[in-house]
Amino acid sequence: MLLSRLEARLHALGTQRVEDLYYLPGPTALRLLSLGHREAAADLVWARSLVYFGEQIALRGRLEYLTDHVDAVIGLDPAFRDAYVWASVVTVYNSRYITRRSIETSNRYLELALEQFPRDGNLMELLAFNYAIEMPVHARDPGEKDTFRRKAAQLYARASRMPGSARTAGFMAVEMYTKAGMQKLAEQHLRQLYVFSNDAQVRRRAEARLMDLVGEEEAEDALAEGRALFEGWRREYPYIPPDLYVLTGPRFGLADRDGAEEPQADAGPDAAPGDP
């Protein structure tokens, strides 16, 4: 009898679930209840969200109301960047099976974050990672897998030109273009990395990777124009972004005017030599 009771108790401890209840009002009601102190209310709900997540993980709960907590936080404070990042991670990695739906939920929070912080390279890189690594696993067919990779490549390419992204973002774009069978876009992006980057290590890596793709001779021809553009930018407009220099072009006429005569006004056919 004692052994049976012990076995039953262990079974109960291993299988019991605490009832998952959601006590918070919706975001609209919370904004009214905060009496104007929305950021402070967001902090309180944020703390409650962290506790809720920890309890559900410890008790092997279903996390049924995780997104409700996050929606309440960002509803109170849409500029709460950490909440978006946290939500994009825990909706996927939470000791449960990773599903397509969970990744799409993560994407939704990252897209909402980018609406608030459109120039945040780190947020864009996180979204690109989902499309590059997680979404292809759940693709319905090879065509959709390539679509996800193209989307990842575009996001990585944009992130590589924004502050906050890792040095590897541009090269991840190249790999995604290559895996999606878009080698010409991979080559084009490598040339852009070579021209627009101030990082000598990135430039060397871009040159080496381009040589791997197209061969040394063709890479040299492709990069010759890039080198000239880079040197012109450093010489003439080092204080503006290099992609803006592509639009402005080199300084107009400064090099030619040093040794050239000033243009003369047309004095007309009756003017004598030497007349102004």
C-alpha atoms as a PDB file:
ATOM      1  CA  MET A   1       0.000   0.000   0.000  1.00  0.00           C
ATOM      2  CA  LEU A   2       2.822   2.409   0.876  1.00  0.00           C
ATOM      3  CA  LEU A   3       4.608   1.660  -2.401  1.00  0.00           C
ATOM      4  CA  SER A   4       1.379   2.234  -4.304  1.00  0.00           C
ATOM      5  CA  ARG A   5       0.818   5.562  -2.544  1.00  0.00           C
ATOM      6  CA  LEU A   6       4.389   6.647  -3.338  1.00  0.00           C
ATOM      7  CA  GLU A   7       3.967   5.725  -6.985  1.00  0.00           C
ATOM      8  CA  ALA A   8       0.658   7.583  -7.133  1.00  0.00           C
ATOM      9  CA  ARG A   9       2.194  10.663  -5.506  1.00  0.00           C
ATOM     10  CA  LEU A  10       5.107  10.729  -7.922  1.00  0.00           C
ATOM     11  CA  HIS A  11       2.699  10.366 -10.807  1.00  0.00           C
ATOM     12  CA  ALA A  12       0.612  13.248  -9.489  1.00  0.00           C
ATOM     13  CA  LEU A  13       3.653  15.519  -9.113  1.00  0.00           C
ATOM     14  CA  GLY A  14       4.824  14.666 -12.597  1.00  0.00           C
ATOM     15  CA  THR A  15       1.521  15.267 -14.344  1.00  0.00           C
ATOM     16  CA  GLN A  16      -0.307  17.976 -12.423  1.00  0.00           C
ATOM     17  CA  ARG A  17      -0.964  21.280 -14.153  1.00  0.00           C
ATOM     18  CA  VAL A  18      -1.700  24.621 -12.545  1.00  0.00           C
ATOM     19  CA  GLU A  19      -4.757  26.189 -14.126  1.00  0.00           C
ATOM     20  CA  ASP A  20      -3.683  28.831 -16.656  1.00  0.00           C
ATOM     21  CA  LEU A  21      -5.719  31.989 -16.064  1.00  0.00           C
ATOM     22  CA  TYR A  22      -5.407  35.455 -17.561  1.00  0.00           C
ATOM     23  CA  TYR A  23      -6.310  38.216 -15.154  1.00  0.00           C
ATOM     24  CA  LEU A  24      -5.293  41.310 -17.135  1.00  0.00           C
ATOM     25  CA  PRO A  25      -7.761  43.534 -19.000  1.00  0.00           C
ATOM     26  CA  GLY A  26      -7.183  44.182 -22.687  1.00  0.00           C
ATOM     27  CA  PRO A  27      -4.768  46.859 -23.961  1.00  0.00           C
ATOM     28  CA  THR A  28      -7.528  49.460 -24.500  1.00  0.00           C
ATOM     29  CA  ALA A  29      -8.808  49.117 -20.933  1.00  0.00           C
ATOM     30  CA  LEU A  30      -5.266  49.127 -19.559  1.00  0.00           C
ATOM     31  CA  ARG A  31      -4.514  52.422 -21.281  1.00  0.00           C
ATOM     32  CA  LEU A  32      -7.522  53.962 -19.534  1.00  0.00           C
ATOM     33  CA  LEU A  33      -6.696  52.384 -16.180  1.00  0.00           C
ATOM     34  CA  SER A  34      -3.104  53.624 -16.326  1.00  0.00           C
ATOM     35  CA  LEU A  35      -4.404  57.232 -15.912  1.00  0.00           C
ATOM     36  CA  GLY A  36      -1.742  58.501 -18.288  1.00  0.00           C
ATOM     37  CA  HIS A  37       1.146  56.578 -16.753  1.00  0.00           C
ATOM     38  CA  ARG A  38       1.360  54.136 -19.626  1.00  0.00           C
ATOM     39  CA  GLU A  39       5.092  53.437 -19.478  1.00  0.00           C
ATOM     40  CA  ALA A  40       4.913  52.676 -15.746  1.00  0.00           C
ATOM     41  CA  ALA A  41       1.949  50.361 -16.308  1.00  0.00           C
ATOM     42  CA  ALA A  42       3.844  48.676 -19.139  1.00  0.00           C
ATOM     43  CA  ASP A  43       6.738  47.996 -16.753  1.00  0.00           C
ATOM     44  CA  LEU A  44       4.379  46.339 -14.260  1.00  0.00           C
ATOM     45  CA  VAL A  45       2.763  44.159 -16.905  1.00  0.00           C
ATOM     46  CA  TRP A  46       6.212  43.338 -18.284  1.00  0.00           C
ATOM     47  CA  ALA A  47       7.323  42.086 -14.876  1.00  0.00           C
ATOM     48  CA  ARG A  48       4.155  40.010 -14.637  1.00  0.00           C
ATOM     49  CA  SER A  49       4.833  38.579 -18.109  1.00  0.00           C
ATOM     50  CA  LEU A  50       8.306  37.409 -17.094  1.00  0.00           C
ATOM     51  CA  VAL A  51       6.900  35.712 -13.982  1.00  0.00           C
ATOM     52  CA  TYR A  52       4.105  34.115 -16.013  1.00  0.00           C
ATOM     53  CA  PHE A  53       6.566  32.697 -18.541  1.00  0.00           C
ATOM     54  CA  GLY A  54       8.835  31.308 -15.813  1.00  0.00           C
ATOM     55  CA  GLU A  55       5.946  29.673 -13.986  1.00  0.00           C
ATOM     56  CA  GLN A  56       4.600  28.081 -17.152  1.00  0.00           C
ATOM     57  CA  ILE A  57       8.015  26.680 -18.077  1.00  0.00           C
ATOM     58  CA  ALA A  58       8.563  25.293 -14.568  1.00  0.00           C
ATOM     59  CA  LEU A  59       5.102  23.698 -14.487  1.00  0.00           C
ATOM     60  CA  ARG A  60       5.173  22.578 -18.130  1.00  0.00           C
ATOM     61  CA  GLY A  61       2.195  24.751 -18.912  1.00  0.00           C
ATOM     62  CA  ARG A  62       0.758  25.529 -22.319  1.00  0.00           C
ATOM     63  CA  LEU A  63       1.680  29.259 -22.351  1.00  0.00           C
ATOM     64  CA  GLU A  64      -1.827  29.894 -23.580  1.00  0.00           C
ATOM     65  CA  TYR A  65      -1.819  33.573 -22.582  1.00  0.00           C
ATOM     66  CA  LEU A  66       1.768  34.490 -23.414  1.00  0.00           C
ATOM     67  CA  THR A  67       0.850  36.641 -26.404  1.00  0.00           C
ATOM     68  CA  ASP A  68      -1.921  38.352 -24.403  1.00  0.00           C
ATOM     69  CA  HIS A  69       0.691  39.505 -21.896  1.00  0.00           C
ATOM     70  CA  VAL A  70       2.975  40.788 -24.646  1.00  0.00           C
ATOM     71  CA  ASP A  71       0.131  42.535 -26.468  1.00  0.00           C
ATOM     72  CA  ALA A  72      -0.788  44.287 -23.217  1.00  0.00           C
ATOM     73  CA  VAL A  73       2.798  45.535 -22.772  1.00  0.00           C
ATOM     74  CA  ILE A  74       3.242  46.901 -26.280  1.00  0.00           C
ATOM     75  CA  GLY A  75      -0.310  48.231 -26.270  1.00  0.00           C
ATOM     76  CA  LEU A  76       0.633  50.404 -23.303  1.00  0.00           C
ATOM     77  CA  ASP A  77       4.077  51.329 -24.631  1.00  0.00           C
ATOM     78  CA  PRO A  78       4.584  50.715 -28.381  1.00  0.00           C
ATOM     79  CA  ALA A  79       8.202  51.898 -28.062  1.00  0.00           C
ATOM     80  CA  PHE A  80       9.121  49.141 -25.556  1.00  0.00           C
ATOM     81  CA  ARG A  81      11.791  47.567 -27.775  1.00  0.00           C
ATOM     82  CA  ASP A  82      12.867  44.821 -25.338  1.00  0.00           C
ATOM     83  CA  ALA A  83       9.325  43.460 -25.185  1.00  0.00           C
ATOM     84  CA  TYR A  84       9.270  42.867 -28.934  1.00  0.00           C
ATOM     85  CA  VAL A  85      12.651  41.132 -28.897  1.00  0.00           C
ATOM     86  CA  TRP A  86      11.717  38.974 -25.897  1.00  0.00           C
ATOM     87  CA  ALA A  87       8.398  37.999 -27.467  1.00  0.00           C
ATOM     88  CA  SER A  88      10.070  37.076 -30.754  1.00  0.00           C
ATOM     89  CA  VAL A  89      12.340  34.656 -28.900  1.00  0.00           C
ATOM     90  CA  VAL A  90      10.073  33.045 -26.292  1.00  0.00           C
ATOM     91  CA  THR A  91       7.218  32.401 -28.706  1.00  0.00           C
ATOM     92  CA  VAL A  92       9.572  30.046 -30.573  1.00  0.00           C
ATOM     93  CA  TYR A  93      12.034  28.758 -27.970  1.00  0.00           C
ATOM     94  CA  ASN A  94      10.031  27.731 -24.915  1.00  0.00           C
ATOM     95  CA  SER A  95      10.797  24.018 -24.319  1.00  0.00           C
ATOM     96  CA  ARG A  96       7.967  23.050 -26.683  1.00  0.00           C
ATOM     97  CA  TYR A  97       8.001  21.894 -30.299  1.00  0.00           C
ATOM     98  CA  ILE A  98       8.792  24.654 -32.781  1.00  0.00           C
ATOM     99  CA  THR A  99       5.881  25.028 -35.188  1.00  0.00           C
ATOM    100  CA  ARG A 100       5.263  27.175 -38.220  1.00  0.00           C
ATOM    101  CA  ARG A 101       2.619  29.067 -36.283  1.00  0.00           C
ATOM    102  CA  SER A 102       5.057  29.932 -33.476  1.00  0.00           C
ATOM    103  CA  ILE A 103       7.609  31.246 -35.984  1.00  0.00           C
ATOM    104  CA  GLU A 104       4.939  33.334 -37.724  1.00  0.00           C
ATOM    105  CA  THR A 105       3.999  34.788 -34.327  1.00  0.00           C
ATOM    106  CA  SER A 106       7.649  35.682 -33.763  1.00  0.00           C
ATOM    107  CA  ASN A 107       7.751  37.318 -37.207  1.00  0.00           C
ATOM    108  CA  ARG A 108       4.670  39.349 -36.359  1.00  0.00           C
ATOM    109  CA  TYR A 109       6.287  40.861 -33.275  1.00  0.00           C
ATOM    110  CA  LEU A 110       9.495  41.655 -35.163  1.00  0.00           C
ATOM    111  CA  GLU A 111       7.529  43.322 -37.950  1.00  0.00           C
ATOM    112  CA  LEU A 112       5.655  45.416 -35.368  1.00  0.00           C
ATOM    113  CA  ALA A 113       9.002  46.350 -33.821  1.00  0.00           C
ATOM    114  CA  LEU A 114      10.368  47.447 -37.193  1.00  0.00           C
ATOM    115  CA  GLU A 115       7.379  49.745 -37.623  1.00  0.00           C
ATOM    116  CA  GLN A 116       8.576  51.516 -34.472  1.00  0.00           C
ATOM    117  CA  PHE A 117      12.313  51.207 -35.213  1.00  0.00           C
ATOM    118  CA  PRO A 118      12.686  51.018 -39.009  1.00  0.00           C
ATOM    119  CA  ARG A 119      16.451  51.649 -38.924  1.00  0.00           C
ATOM    120  CA  ASP A 120      17.280  48.995 -36.327  1.00  0.00           C
ATOM    121  CA  GLY A 121      19.618  46.516 -38.003  1.00  0.00           C
ATOM    122  CA  ASN A 122      19.494  44.048 -35.133  1.00  0.00           C
ATOM    123  CA  LEU A 123      15.700  43.696 -35.313  1.00  0.00           C
ATOM    124  CA  MET A 124      15.842  43.201 -39.066  1.00  0.00           C
ATOM    125  CA  GLU A 125      18.578  40.613 -38.646  1.00  0.00           C
ATOM    126  CA  LEU A 126      16.429  38.663 -36.161  1.00  0.00           C
ATOM    127  CA  LEU A 127      13.568  38.623 -38.661  1.00  0.00           C
ATOM    128  CA  ALA A 128      15.955  37.530 -41.419  1.00  0.00           C
ATOM    129  CA  PHE A 129      17.186  34.671 -39.206  1.00  0.00           C
ATOM    130  CA  ASN A 130      13.638  33.342 -38.859  1.00  0.00           C
ATOM    131  CA  TYR A 131      13.198  33.296 -42.628  1.00  0.00           C
ATOM    132  CA  ALA A 132      16.657  31.852 -43.245  1.00  0.00           C
ATOM    133  CA  ILE A 133      16.800  29.102 -40.607  1.00  0.00           C
ATOM    134  CA  GLU A 134      13.394  28.371 -39.062  1.00  0.00           C
ATOM    135  CA  MET A 135      10.809  28.941 -41.797  1.00  0.00           C
ATOM    136  CA  PRO A 136      12.418  26.705 -44.498  1.00  0.00           C
ATOM    137  CA  VAL A 137      12.076  23.700 -42.154  1.00  0.00           C
ATOM    138  CA  HIS A 138       8.295  24.137 -42.309  1.00  0.00           C
ATOM    139  CA  ALA A 139       8.058  25.003 -46.018  1.00  0.00           C
ATOM    140  CA  ARG A 140       5.325  23.156 -47.908  1.00  0.00           C
ATOM    141  CA  ASP A 141       7.421  22.669 -51.055  1.00  0.00           C
ATOM    142  CA  PRO A 142      10.855  23.612 -52.518  1.00  0.00           C
ATOM    143  CA  GLY A 143       9.389  26.696 -54.163  1.00  0.00           C
ATOM    144  CA  GLU A 144       8.201  28.082 -50.844  1.00  0.00           C
ATOM    145  CA  LYS A 145      11.564  27.270 -49.283  1.00  0.00           C
ATOM    146  CA  ASP A 146      13.292  29.388 -51.945  1.00  0.00           C
ATOM    147  CA  THR A 147      10.762  32.172 -51.306  1.00  0.00           C
ATOM    148  CA  PHE A 148      11.710  32.189 -47.624  1.00  0.00           C
ATOM    149  CA  ARG A 149      15.414  32.277 -48.527  1.00  0.00           C
ATOM    150  CA  ARG A 150      14.918  35.195 -50.917  1.00  0.00           C
ATOM    151  CA  LYS A 151      13.038  37.054 -48.202  1.00  0.00           C
ATOM    152  CA  ALA A 152      15.874  36.326 -45.762  1.00  0.00           C
ATOM    153  CA  ALA A 153      18.456  37.525 -48.277  1.00  0.00           C
ATOM    154  CA  GLN A 154      16.633  40.826 -48.799  1.00  0.00           C
ATOM    155  CA  LEU A 155      16.325  41.391 -45.053  1.00  0.00           C
ATOM    156  CA  TYR A 156      19.972  40.534 -44.403  1.00  0.00           C
ATOM    157  CA  ALA A 157      21.036  42.843 -47.231  1.00  0.00           C
ATOM    158  CA  ARG A 158      19.039  45.724 -45.749  1.00  0.00           C
ATOM    159  CA  ALA A 159      20.249  44.960 -42.232  1.00  0.00           C
ATOM    160  CA  SER A 160      23.882  45.032 -43.353  1.00  0.00           C
ATOM    161  CA  ARG A 161      23.474  48.729 -44.198  1.00  0.00           C
ATOM    162  CA  MET A 162      21.885  49.652 -40.867  1.00  0.00           C
ATOM    163  CA  PRO A 163      23.348  50.349 -37.421  1.00  0.00           C
ATOM    164  CA  GLY A 164      23.148  47.544 -34.895  1.00  0.00           C
ATOM    165  CA  SER A 165      23.553  44.613 -37.281  1.00  0.00           C
ATOM    166  CA  ALA A 166      26.390  42.119 -37.080  1.00  0.00           C
ATOM    167  CA  ARG A 167      29.334  42.136 -39.448  1.00  0.00           C
ATOM    168  CA  THR A 168      28.131  38.825 -40.875  1.00  0.00           C
ATOM    169  CA  ALA A 169      24.710  40.098 -42.008  1.00  0.00           C
ATOM    170  CA  GLY A 170      25.859  40.968 -45.510  1.00  0.00           C
ATOM    171  CA  PHE A 171      27.483  37.586 -46.021  1.00  0.00           C
ATOM    172  CA  MET A 172      24.346  35.805 -44.798  1.00  0.00           C
ATOM    173  CA  ALA A 173      22.509  37.645 -47.596  1.00  0.00           C
ATOM    174  CA  VAL A 174      25.021  36.250 -50.077  1.00  0.00           C
ATOM    175  CA  GLU A 175      24.539  32.695 -48.783  1.00  0.00           C
ATOM    176  CA  MET A 176      20.751  32.974 -48.959  1.00  0.00           C
ATOM    177  CA  TYR A 177      20.868  34.314 -52.521  1.00  0.00           C
ATOM    178  CA  THR A 178      23.199  31.467 -53.463  1.00  0.00           C
ATOM    179  CA  LYS A 179      20.987  28.779 -51.878  1.00  0.00           C
ATOM    180  CA  ALA A 180      17.949  30.217 -53.648  1.00  0.00           C
ATOM    181  CA  GLY A 181      19.783  29.886 -56.988  1.00  0.00           C
ATOM    182  CA  MET A 182      20.228  33.662 -57.459  1.00  0.00           C
ATOM    183  CA  GLN A 183      23.979  33.877 -58.017  1.00  0.00           C
ATOM    184  CA  LYS A 184      23.873  37.163 -59.933  1.00  0.00           C
ATOM    185  CA  LEU A 185      22.248  38.883 -56.957  1.00  0.00           C
ATOM    186  CA  ALA A 186      24.849  37.272 -54.689  1.00  0.00           C
ATOM    187  CA  GLU A 187      27.643  38.687 -56.870  1.00  0.00           C
ATOM    188  CA  GLN A 188      26.003  42.122 -56.959  1.00  0.00           C
ATOM    189  CA  HIS A 189      25.653  42.201 -53.180  1.00  0.00           C
ATOM    190  CA  LEU A 190      29.305  41.225 -52.709  1.00  0.00           C
ATOM    191  CA  ARG A 191      30.337  44.144 -54.910  1.00  0.00           C
ATOM    192  CA  GLN A 192      28.163  46.453 -52.831  1.00  0.00           C
ATOM    193  CA  LEU A 193      29.712  45.135 -49.630  1.00  0.00           C
ATOM    194  CA  TYR A 194      33.143  45.762 -51.059  1.00  0.00           C
ATOM    195  CA  VAL A 195      32.359  49.335 -52.096  1.00  0.00           C
ATOM    196  CA  PHE A 196      30.183  50.555 -49.225  1.00  0.00           C
ATOM    197  CA  SER A 197      31.961  49.060 -46.208  1.00  0.00           C
ATOM    198  CA  ASN A 198      34.507  50.986 -44.163  1.00  0.00           C
ATOM    199  CA  ASP A 199      35.608  47.747 -42.509  1.00  0.00           C
ATOM    200  CA  ALA A 200      38.823  46.441 -44.082  1.00  0.00           C
ATOM    201  CA  GLN A 201      38.072  42.898 -42.924  1.00  0.00           C
ATOM    202  CA  VAL A 202      34.643  42.950 -44.562  1.00  0.00           C
ATOM    203  CA  ARG A 203      36.160  44.241 -47.796  1.00  0.00           C
ATOM    204  CA  ARG A 204      38.785  41.477 -47.829  1.00  0.00           C
ATOM    205  CA  ARG A 205      36.186  38.822 -47.108  1.00  0.00           C
ATOM    206  CA  ALA A 206      33.862  40.158 -49.824  1.00  0.00           C
ATOM    207  CA  GLU A 207      36.711  40.093 -52.340  1.00  0.00           C
ATOM    208  CA  ALA A 208      37.657  36.521 -51.419  1.00  0.00           C
ATOM    209  CA  ARG A 209      34.045  35.315 -51.562  1.00  0.00           C
ATOM    210  CA  LEU A 210      33.503  36.923 -54.963  1.00  0.00           C
ATOM    211  CA  MET A 211      36.613  35.182 -56.279  1.00  0.00           C
ATOM    212  CA  ASP A 212      35.170  31.887 -55.041  1.00  0.00           C
ATOM    213  CA  LEU A 213      31.942  32.525 -56.953  1.00  0.00           C
ATOM    214  CA  VAL A 214      33.198  33.872 -60.285  1.00  0.00           C
ATOM    215  CA  GLY A 215      36.947  33.264 -60.409  1.00  0.00           C
ATOM    216  CA  GLU A 216      39.885  35.563 -59.754  1.00  0.00           C
ATOM    217  CA  GLU A 217      40.036  37.258 -63.176  1.00  0.00           C
ATOM    218  CA  GLU A 218      36.350  38.128 -63.361  1.00  0.00           C
ATOM    219  CA  ALA A 219      36.348  39.260 -59.735  1.00  0.00           C
ATOM    220  CA  GLU A 220      39.225  41.645 -60.412  1.00  0.00           C
ATOM    221  CA  ASP A 221      37.333  43.211 -63.319  1.00  0.00           C
ATOM    222  CA  ALA A 222      34.179  43.519 -61.230  1.00  0.00           C
ATOM    223  CA  LEU A 223      35.979  45.127 -58.280  1.00  0.00           C
ATOM    224  CA  ALA A 224      38.107  47.578 -60.295  1.00  0.00           C
ATOM    225  CA  GLU A 225      35.226  50.028 -60.655  1.00  0.00           C
ATOM    226  CA  GLY A 226      34.356  49.524 -56.996  1.00  0.00           C
ATOM    227  CA  ARG A 227      37.872  50.430 -55.916  1.00  0.00           C
ATOM    228  CA  ALA A 228      37.770  53.638 -57.949  1.00  0.00           C
ATOM    229  CA  LEU A 229      34.405  54.564 -56.454  1.00  0.00           C
ATOM    230  CA  PHE A 230      35.615  53.838 -52.917  1.00  0.00           C
ATOM    231  CA  GLU A 231      38.789  55.901 -53.368  1.00  0.00           C
ATOM    232  CA  GLY A 232      36.807  58.794 -54.835  1.00  0.00           C
ATOM    233  CA  TRP A 233      34.413  58.760 -51.901  1.00  0.00           C
ATOM    234  CA  ARG A 234      37.251  58.704 -49.334  1.00  0.00           C
ATOM    235  CA  ARG A 235      39.028  61.524 -51.147  1.00  0.00           C
ATOM    236  CA  GLU A 236      36.124  63.854 -51.834  1.00  0.00           C
ATOM    237  CA  TYR A 237      33.181  63.147 -49.495  1.00  0.00           C
ATOM    238  CA  PRO A 238      34.364  61.027 -46.532  1.00  0.00           C
ATOM    239  CA  TYR A 239      31.815  62.772 -44.294  1.00  0.00           C
ATOM    240  CA  ILE A 240      28.735  61.420 -46.120  1.00  0.00           C
ATOM    241  CA  PRO A 241      27.515  57.800 -46.367  1.00  0.00           C
ATOM    242  CA  PRO A 242      29.024  55.967 -49.347  1.00  0.00           C
ATOM    243  CA  ASP A 243      25.612  55.097 -50.811  1.00  0.00           C
ATOM    244  CA  LEU A 244      24.821  58.843 -50.903  1.00  0.00           C
ATOM    245  CA  TYR A 245      28.097  59.406 -52.739  1.00  0.00           C
ATOM    246  CA  VAL A 246      26.842  57.044 -55.445  1.00  0.00           C
ATOM    247  CA  LEU A 247      23.982  59.498 -56.032  1.00  0.00           C
ATOM    248  CA  THR A 248      26.020  62.723 -55.794  1.00  0.00           C
ATOM    249  CA  GLY A 249      28.978  61.505 -57.839  1.00  0.00           C
ATOM    250  CA  PRO A 250      32.461  63.070 -57.785  1.00  0.00           C
ATOM    251  CA  ARG A 251      32.989  66.790 -57.243  1.00  0.00           C
ATOM    252  CA  PHE A 252      32.016  68.470 -60.477  1.00  0.00           C
ATOM    253  CA  GLY A 253      34.815  70.146 -62.386  1.00  0.00           C
ATOM    254  CA  LEU A 254      37.177  70.902 -59.486  1.00  0.00           C
ATOM    255  CA  ALA A 255      40.056  68.925 -60.941  1.00  0.00           C
ATOM    256  CA  ASP A 256      39.577  70.428 -64.406  1.00  0.00           C
ATOM    257  CA  ARG A 257      39.233  74.075 -63.349  1.00  0.00           C
ATOM    258  CA  ASP A 258      42.662  74.201 -61.695  1.00  0.00           C
ATOM    259  CA  GLY A 259      44.453  74.382 -65.019  1.00  0.00           C
ATOM    260  CA  ALA A 260      41.678  75.657 -67.256  1.00  0.00           C
ATOM    261  CA  GLU A 261      40.698  79.169 -68.188  1.00  0.00           C
ATOM    262  CA  GLU A 262      37.457  80.596 -66.908  1.00  0.00           C
ATOM    263  CA  PRO A 263      34.750  80.511 -69.597  1.00  0.00           C
ATOM    264  CA  GLN A 264      34.294  83.864 -71.381  1.00  0.00           C
ATOM    265  CA  ALA A 265      30.952  85.461 -71.998  1.00  0.00           C
ATOM    266  CA  ASP A 266      29.862  85.754 -75.607  1.00  0.00           C
ATOM    267  CA  ALA A 267      30.394  89.415 -76.524  1.00  0.00           C
ATOM    268  CA  GLY A 268      28.756  89.143 -79.902  1.00  0.00           C
ATOM    269  CA  PRO A 269      30.052  89.171 -83.482  1.00  0.00           C
ATOM    270  CA  ASP A 270      30.898  92.945 -83.519  1.00  0.00           C
ATOM    271  CA  ALA A 271      33.102  92.929 -80.453  1.00  0.00           C
ATOM    272  CA  ALA A 272      36.758  93.761 -80.951  1.00  0.00           C
ATOM    273  CA  PRO A 273      39.485  91.438 -79.687  1.00  0.00           C
ATOM    274  CA  GLY A 274      40.081  92.069 -76.014  1.00  0.00           C
ATOM    275  CA  ASP A 275      36.625  93.570 -75.408  1.00  0.00           C
ATOM    276  CA  PRO A 276      34.800  92.073 -72.414  1.00  0.00           C
END
